[in-house]
Amino acid sequence: MDASVTFLNGRIVIDPAVCNGRPTLRGKRITVQSVLEYLGAGDTEADILSEYPTLEAEDIRACLMFAGQLMNQRYDLVKVA
């Protein structure tokens, strides 16, 4: 049995059985990546909430915080060939 992992008070869930293990919002089939792509395309929080009525404003903020935490990691470049 695969276990899920949650972040940011359960707002972000990584479950291997949902959306191929991509981070989702509260286990729904709405990925963090989708929300970030909407924001990157210029959609507003209101636009996203209108498109996905099951989401809450806190979910969108959690996506931004989660992305920020990922960017806070150290990345090393390794030559493989």
Protein backbone atom coordinates (compact mmCIF):
# COMPACT_ATOMS: atom_id res chain seq x y z
CA MET A 1 0.00 0.00 0.00
CA ASP A 2 1.41 3.38 -1.02
CA ALA A 3 1.40 6.17 1.51
CA SER A 4 0.68 9.81 0.78
CA VAL A 5 2.64 12.79 2.04
CA THR A 6 1.11 16.14 2.92
CA PHE A 7 2.54 19.64 3.13
CA LEU A 8 1.28 23.03 4.28
CA ASN A 9 -1.38 21.80 6.69
CA GLY A 10 -2.69 19.18 4.29
CA ARG A 11 -3.29 21.57 1.41
CA ILE A 12 -0.65 19.92 -0.79
CA VAL A 13 -0.83 16.13 -1.09
CA ILE A 14 1.49 13.75 -2.91
CA ASP A 15 -0.20 10.40 -3.36
CA PRO A 16 1.17 7.85 -5.85
CA ALA A 17 -2.44 6.78 -6.61
CA VAL A 18 -3.61 10.29 -7.58
CA CYS A 19 -2.42 12.08 -10.75
CA ASN A 20 0.60 9.79 -11.06
CA GLY A 21 2.06 11.07 -7.80
CA ARG A 22 2.14 14.72 -8.80
CA PRO A 23 1.47 17.23 -6.01
CA THR A 24 -2.26 17.98 -5.85
CA LEU A 25 -4.49 20.24 -3.81
CA ARG A 26 -6.07 18.43 -0.87
CA GLY A 27 -5.95 15.14 -2.79
CA LYS A 28 -8.26 16.40 -5.53
CA ARG A 29 -7.28 15.82 -9.11
CA ILE A 30 -6.12 19.42 -9.46
CA THR A 31 -2.34 19.61 -9.63
CA VAL A 32 -0.15 22.31 -8.16
CA GLN A 33 1.45 22.58 -11.59
CA SER A 34 -1.91 23.43 -13.21
CA VAL A 35 -2.56 26.25 -10.77
CA LEU A 36 0.96 27.63 -11.22
CA GLU A 37 0.59 27.49 -15.00
CA TYR A 38 -2.69 29.41 -14.82
CA LEU A 39 -1.04 32.07 -12.68
CA GLY A 40 1.94 32.19 -15.04
CA ALA A 41 -0.41 32.70 -17.99
CA GLY A 42 -1.87 35.75 -16.27
CA ASP A 43 -5.03 34.29 -14.77
CA THR A 44 -6.11 35.85 -11.49
CA GLU A 45 -6.97 34.07 -8.27
CA ALA A 46 -10.63 34.84 -9.03
CA ASP A 47 -10.31 33.25 -12.49
CA ILE A 48 -8.91 30.05 -11.01
CA LEU A 49 -11.52 29.88 -8.25
CA SER A 50 -14.23 30.34 -10.86
CA GLU A 51 -12.80 27.52 -13.00
CA TYR A 52 -12.35 25.21 -9.98
CA PRO A 53 -15.14 25.98 -7.49
CA THR A 54 -13.93 23.31 -5.04
CA LEU A 55 -10.70 25.25 -4.48
CA GLU A 56 -10.18 27.93 -1.85
CA ALA A 57 -7.98 31.01 -1.97
CA GLU A 58 -5.70 29.35 0.60
CA ASP A 59 -5.09 26.51 -1.89
CA ILE A 60 -3.68 28.95 -4.44
CA ARG A 61 -1.41 30.54 -1.84
CA ALA A 62 -0.28 27.05 -0.80
CA CYS A 63 0.76 26.35 -4.42
CA LEU A 64 2.92 29.47 -4.43
CA MET A 65 4.44 28.63 -1.05
CA PHE A 66 5.14 25.04 -2.16
CA ALA A 67 6.87 26.27 -5.33
CA GLY A 68 8.90 28.72 -3.27
CA GLN A 69 10.01 25.94 -0.94
CA LEU A 70 11.10 23.82 -3.91
CA MET A 71 13.17 26.69 -5.29
CA ASN A 72 14.87 27.03 -1.90
CA GLN A 73 16.64 23.69 -2.43
CA ARG A 74 20.25 23.44 -3.49
CA TYR A 75 20.76 22.18 -7.04
CA ASP A 76 24.07 20.75 -8.22
CA LEU A 77 24.87 20.30 -11.89
CA VAL A 78 26.59 17.04 -12.73
CA LYS A 79 28.11 16.24 -16.12
CA VAL A 80 27.01 12.75 -17.15
CA ALA A 81 28.65 12.34 -20.53
